[in-house]
């Protein structure tokens, strides 16, 4: 079993780019391994992690094994367990939420090894050999809502702003509504359609048609995989959409879909930057352990991945605020009716 882990790691080590190989192969960090949910080309967690690993490798001149674990929880458990049992590996970077929970179990079994767990929700007790990192969903929603509000300017145009909401998206919706309000959208300008599944694009498409039929020119997909239906509807109706979690524009660009003409971009966890920074700090012995960190917009834990449509049409001051990170996601005076007030959230809806 260890053999296939090593083979997979070698095959995926150079995921960071297509630069020419150096004349001599750089040394490997044989004690380090990165195990990430997803597959090559997912335009989501794995591709983000691969970009971060690649950036680290280029800056440090070393190689790091990187494993694409797919989406099967049984495969996650097997891969993580076998890697943890391997005496050669002493530092593990594991994500996202499902694999991170399994990594937490291994950290308790192997207290002499160190684990950085991405996407792990706040736990009551973090073992002393674990650094847990989560990404603030409320702030991700806030950034998306602010962009939507600035795009439409509903206080002037009187146009509504929409959102497709799936199960487990309460924090995203709460942040989205607050961000839109900060951008000038009154509460009555918000339109919502909910779906019962976060993995059904057809249901998402039908709900999106109802949403856009209400005169909504722009909407955000807060429904995981069901948000694909929103983006398809936006492309068909020539309305605008914002993604959450994955780089949805890149996904549709790979398929040459008409949705690329209406997708403004996506707000995502900045997994690439966090992975790069974590590996660098680990090599220098600068990582703290035994704690949980929730990273938001100002801390560089959230990224806006804009599309060509956005950069061509968005107001320059909005583009500058996103580029220079001068936005300050702050709670609105009162929470949205029917939603909680917690601002520390897991990444369960991010696909």
Protein backbone atom coordinates (compact mmCIF):
# COMPACT_ATOMS: atom_id res chain seq x y z
CA UNK A 1 0.00 0.00 0.00
CA UNK A 2 2.85 2.37 0.79
CA UNK A 3 4.25 1.72 -2.65
CA UNK A 4 1.21 3.15 -4.43
CA UNK A 5 1.31 6.23 -2.18
CA UNK A 6 4.92 6.88 -3.14
CA UNK A 7 4.18 6.30 -6.84
CA UNK A 8 1.22 8.70 -6.75
CA UNK A 9 3.27 11.27 -4.87
CA UNK A 10 6.07 11.15 -7.41
CA UNK A 11 3.60 11.46 -10.28
CA UNK A 12 1.96 14.56 -8.79
CA UNK A 13 4.99 16.32 -7.36
CA UNK A 14 5.36 18.91 -10.12
CA UNK A 15 1.75 20.13 -10.30
CA UNK A 16 2.69 23.77 -9.89
CA UNK A 17 3.38 24.66 -13.51
CA UNK A 18 4.83 23.75 -16.88
CA UNK A 19 8.26 25.31 -16.59
CA UNK A 20 11.18 23.50 -18.20
CA UNK A 21 12.80 20.97 -15.91
CA UNK A 22 16.17 21.93 -14.51
CA UNK A 23 19.22 19.96 -15.59
CA UNK A 24 19.41 18.35 -12.16
CA UNK A 25 16.32 17.36 -10.21
CA UNK A 26 15.85 19.39 -6.99
CA UNK A 27 15.98 17.50 -3.70
CA UNK A 28 12.77 16.18 -2.15
CA UNK A 29 11.41 16.94 1.30
CA UNK A 30 11.00 13.26 2.10
CA UNK A 31 9.45 13.88 5.53
CA UNK A 32 6.61 16.07 4.16
CA UNK A 33 3.44 15.05 2.30
CA UNK A 34 0.38 16.98 1.13
CA UNK A 35 -2.91 15.08 0.80
CA UNK A 36 -5.79 17.03 -0.71
CA UNK A 37 -9.40 16.27 -1.57
CA UNK A 38 -10.22 16.50 -5.28
CA UNK A 39 -8.69 15.57 -8.62
CA UNK A 40 -6.35 17.13 -11.15
CA UNK A 41 -8.30 19.77 -13.08
CA UNK A 42 -11.03 20.29 -10.45
CA UNK A 43 -10.45 24.08 -10.42
CA UNK A 44 -11.04 23.71 -6.71
CA UNK A 45 -9.20 22.50 -3.59
CA UNK A 46 -6.74 20.18 -5.31
CA UNK A 47 -5.80 22.54 -8.13
CA UNK A 48 -5.46 25.39 -5.61
CA UNK A 49 -3.20 23.23 -3.42
CA UNK A 50 -1.15 22.17 -6.45
CA UNK A 51 -0.58 25.83 -7.33
CA UNK A 52 0.59 26.51 -3.78
CA UNK A 53 2.91 23.51 -3.78
CA UNK A 54 4.28 24.55 -7.15
CA UNK A 55 4.98 28.10 -5.95
CA UNK A 56 6.77 26.75 -2.87
CA UNK A 57 8.86 24.36 -4.95
CA UNK A 58 9.96 27.11 -7.31
CA UNK A 59 10.91 29.49 -4.51
CA UNK A 60 12.65 26.92 -2.31
CA UNK A 61 14.18 24.62 -4.92
CA UNK A 62 12.77 21.44 -3.38
CA UNK A 63 10.04 18.93 -4.25
CA UNK A 64 7.03 18.04 -2.10
CA UNK A 65 4.86 14.93 -2.62
CA UNK A 66 1.25 15.86 -3.43
CA UNK A 67 -1.62 13.36 -3.47
CA UNK A 68 -5.00 13.88 -5.18
CA UNK A 69 -7.38 11.89 -2.98
CA UNK A 70 -10.54 12.19 -5.07
CA UNK A 71 -13.97 12.37 -3.44
CA UNK A 72 -14.45 8.92 -1.87
CA UNK A 73 -14.34 9.07 1.98
CA UNK A 74 -13.26 5.42 2.11
CA UNK A 75 -10.29 6.23 -0.12
CA UNK A 76 -9.47 9.25 2.03
CA UNK A 77 -9.34 7.12 5.14
CA UNK A 78 -7.10 4.51 3.54
CA UNK A 79 -4.67 7.01 2.03
CA UNK A 80 -4.35 9.11 5.18
CA UNK A 81 -3.96 6.08 7.43
CA UNK A 82 -1.25 4.52 5.27
CA UNK A 83 0.63 7.80 4.93
CA UNK A 84 0.48 8.37 8.71
CA UNK A 85 1.87 4.89 9.34
CA UNK A 86 4.80 5.47 7.00
CA UNK A 87 7.84 6.21 9.21
CA UNK A 88 9.32 8.50 6.53
CA UNK A 89 6.53 11.09 6.80
CA UNK A 90 6.55 13.37 9.84
CA UNK A 91 4.69 16.45 8.58
CA UNK A 92 1.24 16.27 6.98
CA UNK A 93 -0.80 18.98 5.26
CA UNK A 94 -4.33 17.64 4.73
CA UNK A 95 -7.55 19.21 3.36
CA UNK A 96 -10.38 19.95 3.06
CA UNK A 97 -13.00 19.35 5.79
CA UNK A 98 -13.67 15.60 5.39
CA UNK A 99 -10.02 14.58 5.03
CA UNK A 100 -9.06 17.05 7.76
CA UNK A 101 -11.36 15.28 10.23
CA UNK A 102 -9.66 11.99 9.38
CA UNK A 103 -6.29 13.69 9.77
CA UNK A 104 -7.33 14.79 13.26
CA UNK A 105 -7.91 11.16 14.20
CA UNK A 106 -4.45 10.20 12.91
CA UNK A 107 -2.88 13.11 14.80
CA UNK A 108 -4.24 11.68 18.04
CA UNK A 109 -2.88 8.25 17.19
CA UNK A 110 0.54 9.58 16.17
CA UNK A 111 1.37 12.39 18.64
CA UNK A 112 5.00 12.47 17.50
CA UNK A 113 4.04 13.67 14.03
CA UNK A 114 2.73 17.10 13.05
CA UNK A 115 -0.43 17.85 11.11
CA UNK A 116 -1.78 20.99 9.45
CA UNK A 117 -5.48 20.48 8.73
CA UNK A 118 -7.21 22.79 6.24
CA UNK A 119 -10.95 23.34 6.40
CA UNK A 120 -11.31 21.80 9.86
CA UNK A 121 -14.16 23.46 11.81
CA UNK A 122 -13.31 24.79 15.26
CA UNK A 123 -12.88 21.94 17.73
CA UNK A 124 -13.16 22.04 21.52
CA UNK A 125 -9.64 20.68 21.89
CA UNK A 126 -6.86 20.73 19.30
CA UNK A 127 -4.01 18.27 20.00
CA UNK A 128 -0.60 19.86 20.58
CA UNK A 129 0.71 18.42 17.29
CA UNK A 130 -2.07 19.99 15.16
CA UNK A 131 -2.52 23.37 13.51
CA UNK A 132 -6.12 23.64 12.32
CA UNK A 133 -7.01 26.26 9.70
CA UNK A 134 -10.51 27.14 8.53
CA UNK A 135 -11.74 29.74 6.06
CA UNK A 136 -14.36 32.26 7.16
CA UNK A 137 -17.53 31.50 5.17
CA UNK A 138 -19.31 34.59 6.48
CA UNK A 139 -16.61 36.82 5.01
CA UNK A 140 -16.63 34.86 1.75
CA UNK A 141 -20.35 35.56 1.47
CA UNK A 142 -19.78 39.21 2.43
CA UNK A 143 -17.26 39.74 -0.39
CA UNK A 144 -19.64 38.15 -2.93
CA UNK A 145 -22.55 40.27 -1.69
CA UNK A 146 -20.50 43.46 -1.82
CA UNK A 147 -19.43 42.75 -5.40
CA UNK A 148 -23.03 42.03 -6.42
CA UNK A 149 -24.23 45.21 -4.74
CA UNK A 150 -21.59 47.38 -6.38
CA UNK A 151 -22.24 45.76 -9.76
CA UNK A 152 -25.96 46.57 -9.74
CA UNK A 153 -26.05 49.67 -7.46
CA UNK A 154 -29.64 48.87 -6.40
CA UNK A 155 -30.06 52.09 -4.42
CA UNK A 156 -29.82 53.94 -7.75
CA UNK A 157 -31.16 51.44 -10.27
CA UNK A 158 -33.81 49.83 -8.01
CA UNK A 159 -32.78 46.42 -9.37
CA UNK A 160 -32.85 43.42 -7.01
CA UNK A 161 -29.94 41.11 -6.14
CA UNK A 162 -30.35 37.33 -5.99
CA UNK A 163 -28.87 34.27 -4.32
CA UNK A 164 -29.35 30.54 -4.79
CA UNK A 165 -29.05 28.95 -1.34
CA UNK A 166 -28.39 25.30 -0.54
CA UNK A 167 -28.28 23.30 2.71
CA UNK A 168 -25.60 24.39 5.14
CA UNK A 169 -25.18 27.81 3.52
CA UNK A 170 -26.56 29.92 6.37
CA UNK A 171 -23.22 31.60 7.08
CA UNK A 172 -22.62 32.35 3.40
CA UNK A 173 -26.10 33.84 3.03
CA UNK A 174 -25.81 35.92 6.19
CA UNK A 175 -22.51 37.35 4.95
CA UNK A 176 -23.85 37.85 1.41
CA UNK A 177 -26.85 39.83 2.64
CA UNK A 178 -24.61 41.99 4.84
CA UNK A 179 -22.10 42.63 2.05
CA UNK A 180 -24.89 43.65 -0.32
CA UNK A 181 -26.30 45.97 2.36
CA UNK A 182 -22.86 47.53 2.86
CA UNK A 183 -22.70 48.17 -0.88
CA UNK A 184 -26.00 50.06 -0.69
CA UNK A 185 -28.63 47.37 -1.31
CA UNK A 186 -31.69 47.71 0.95
CA UNK A 187 -32.96 44.45 2.50
CA UNK A 188 -36.02 44.49 0.26
CA UNK A 189 -33.76 44.31 -2.81
CA UNK A 190 -32.66 40.76 -1.97
CA UNK A 191 -34.28 37.80 -3.76
CA UNK A 192 -33.69 34.20 -2.72
CA UNK A 193 -34.39 30.72 -4.06
CA UNK A 194 -33.50 27.68 -1.97
CA UNK A 195 -32.71 24.12 -3.03
CA UNK A 196 -32.73 20.99 -0.90
CA UNK A 197 -29.56 19.51 -2.40
CA UNK A 198 -26.08 20.91 -2.93
CA UNK A 199 -25.31 18.31 -5.63
CA UNK A 200 -28.12 18.65 -8.16
CA UNK A 201 -27.45 21.11 -11.01
CA UNK A 202 -30.85 20.42 -12.61
CA UNK A 203 -32.68 21.50 -9.46
CA UNK A 204 -30.36 24.49 -9.30
CA UNK A 205 -31.19 25.39 -12.91
CA UNK A 206 -34.92 25.33 -12.27
CA UNK A 207 -34.56 27.44 -9.13
CA UNK A 208 -32.30 29.89 -10.98
CA UNK A 209 -34.92 30.37 -13.70
CA UNK A 210 -37.43 31.32 -11.00
CA UNK A 211 -34.87 33.66 -9.46
CA UNK A 212 -34.01 35.46 -12.67
CA UNK A 213 -37.71 35.66 -13.57
CA UNK A 214 -38.05 38.08 -10.63
CA UNK A 215 -35.99 40.64 -12.55
CA UNK A 216 -32.69 39.79 -10.86
CA UNK A 217 -29.73 40.86 -13.05
CA UNK A 218 -27.10 39.19 -10.86
CA UNK A 219 -27.12 36.28 -8.41
CA UNK A 220 -24.61 34.27 -6.38
CA UNK A 221 -24.46 30.50 -6.17
CA UNK A 222 -24.43 29.54 -2.48
CA UNK A 223 -25.55 25.97 -3.16
CA UNK A 224 -22.38 23.96 -3.77
CA UNK A 225 -22.59 21.78 -6.86
CA UNK A 226 -26.21 22.78 -7.46
CA UNK A 227 -24.89 26.27 -8.25
CA UNK A 228 -23.83 24.90 -11.65
CA UNK A 229 -27.51 25.20 -12.60
CA UNK A 230 -27.42 28.90 -11.73
CA UNK A 231 -24.43 29.50 -13.99
CA UNK A 232 -26.06 27.61 -16.86
CA UNK A 233 -29.24 29.66 -16.43
CA UNK A 234 -27.22 32.89 -16.32
CA UNK A 235 -25.52 31.97 -19.59
CA UNK A 236 -28.83 31.10 -21.26
CA UNK A 237 -30.61 34.26 -20.08
CA UNK A 238 -27.63 36.61 -20.41
CA UNK A 239 -27.72 37.51 -16.71
CA UNK A 240 -24.74 37.69 -14.37
CA UNK A 241 -23.58 35.27 -11.68
CA UNK A 242 -20.95 34.93 -8.95
CA UNK A 243 -19.50 31.61 -7.79
CA UNK A 244 -18.41 30.49 -4.35
CA UNK A 245 -15.84 27.86 -3.38
CA UNK A 246 -14.37 26.68 -6.70
CA UNK A 247 -13.06 28.69 -9.65
CA UNK A 248 -16.26 28.30 -11.64
CA UNK A 249 -15.13 30.51 -14.50
CA UNK A 250 -12.13 28.25 -15.16
CA UNK A 251 -14.38 25.19 -15.03
CA UNK A 252 -16.68 26.60 -17.68
CA UNK A 253 -13.84 28.00 -19.76
CA UNK A 254 -12.44 24.47 -20.03
CA UNK A 255 -15.82 23.38 -21.44
CA UNK A 256 -16.13 26.42 -23.76
CA UNK A 257 -19.50 27.13 -22.18
CA UNK A 258 -21.59 30.27 -22.85
CA UNK A 259 -21.66 30.68 -19.07
CA UNK A 260 -18.20 32.25 -19.31
CA UNK A 261 -19.81 35.33 -20.83
CA UNK A 262 -21.87 35.98 -17.69
CA UNK A 263 -19.74 34.62 -14.83
CA UNK A 264 -18.03 37.49 -13.03
CA UNK A 265 -15.75 35.18 -11.04
CA UNK A 266 -15.65 33.31 -7.74
CA UNK A 267 -14.89 33.96 -4.10
CA UNK A 268 -12.82 31.01 -2.87
CA UNK A 269 -10.66 29.89 0.02
CA UNK A 270 -7.10 31.01 -0.76
CA UNK A 271 -5.84 27.43 -0.47
CA UNK A 272 -2.95 28.09 -2.86
CA UNK A 273 -1.51 30.93 -0.79
CA UNK A 274 -2.16 29.18 2.53
CA UNK A 275 -0.43 26.01 1.32
CA UNK A 276 2.57 27.96 0.02
CA UNK A 277 2.86 29.97 3.24
CA UNK A 278 2.40 26.91 5.46
CA UNK A 279 5.10 24.89 3.73
CA UNK A 280 7.49 27.82 3.87
CA UNK A 281 6.87 28.47 7.58
CA UNK A 282 7.16 24.76 8.34
CA UNK A 283 10.56 24.58 6.69
CA UNK A 284 11.70 27.51 8.82
CA UNK A 285 10.21 26.13 12.04
CA UNK A 286 7.81 29.07 12.36
CA UNK A 287 4.46 27.24 12.60
CA UNK A 288 2.49 27.27 15.86
CA UNK A 289 0.71 24.07 16.87
CA UNK A 290 -2.07 23.20 19.26
CA UNK A 291 -4.31 26.03 17.99
CA UNK A 292 -7.09 26.75 15.51
CA UNK A 293 -7.00 29.68 13.11
CA UNK A 294 -9.90 31.08 11.08
CA UNK A 295 -8.63 33.04 8.10
CA UNK A 296 -10.69 35.81 6.55
CA UNK A 297 -10.30 38.40 3.82
CA UNK A 298 -7.77 40.65 5.55
CA UNK A 299 -5.63 37.68 6.64
CA UNK A 300 -5.32 36.49 3.04
CA UNK A 301 -7.48 33.41 3.59
CA UNK A 302 -10.06 34.40 0.95
CA UNK A 303 -9.44 35.11 -2.74
CA UNK A 304 -11.47 36.81 -5.46
CA UNK A 305 -10.81 35.10 -8.81
CA UNK A 306 -12.33 37.48 -11.32
CA UNK A 307 -13.19 36.63 -14.91
CA UNK A 308 -12.35 38.65 -18.04
CA UNK A 309 -15.94 39.91 -18.00
CA UNK A 310 -15.43 41.31 -14.51
CA UNK A 311 -12.12 42.99 -15.30
CA UNK A 312 -13.58 44.50 -18.47
CA UNK A 313 -16.80 45.86 -16.98
CA UNK A 314 -16.45 46.27 -13.22
CA UNK A 315 -15.90 49.78 -11.80
CA UNK A 316 -12.20 50.51 -11.43
CA UNK A 317 -12.56 51.47 -7.77
CA UNK A 318 -14.11 48.08 -7.03
CA UNK A 319 -11.31 46.28 -8.84
CA UNK A 320 -8.74 48.32 -6.92
CA UNK A 321 -10.40 47.61 -3.57
CA UNK A 322 -10.31 43.87 -4.29
CA UNK A 323 -6.75 43.96 -5.60
CA UNK A 324 -5.39 45.96 -2.67
CA UNK A 325 -7.62 44.26 -0.09
CA UNK A 326 -8.91 47.54 1.29
CA UNK A 327 -12.39 46.10 1.85
CA UNK A 328 -13.27 45.60 5.51
CA UNK A 329 -15.92 42.87 5.99
CA UNK A 330 -17.75 43.90 9.16
CA UNK A 331 -21.05 42.72 10.64
CA UNK A 332 -24.16 44.70 9.83
CA UNK A 333 -26.14 46.28 12.67
CA UNK A 334 -28.64 43.41 12.92
CA UNK A 335 -28.41 39.76 11.73
CA UNK A 336 -30.69 38.67 8.91
CA UNK A 337 -34.01 37.30 10.09
CA UNK A 338 -34.01 33.52 10.47
CA UNK A 339 -30.22 33.12 10.60
CA UNK A 340 -27.80 32.80 13.46
CA UNK A 341 -25.18 35.29 14.60
CA UNK A 342 -22.12 33.02 14.70
CA UNK A 343 -19.18 34.20 12.64
CA UNK A 344 -16.90 31.16 12.85
CA UNK A 345 -17.90 28.71 10.16
CA UNK A 346 -16.67 25.52 8.47
CA UNK A 347 -16.25 25.04 4.73
CA UNK A 348 -18.76 22.23 4.26
CA UNK A 349 -20.57 23.90 1.35
CA UNK A 350 -17.43 24.73 -0.62
CA UNK A 351 -17.09 22.37 -3.56
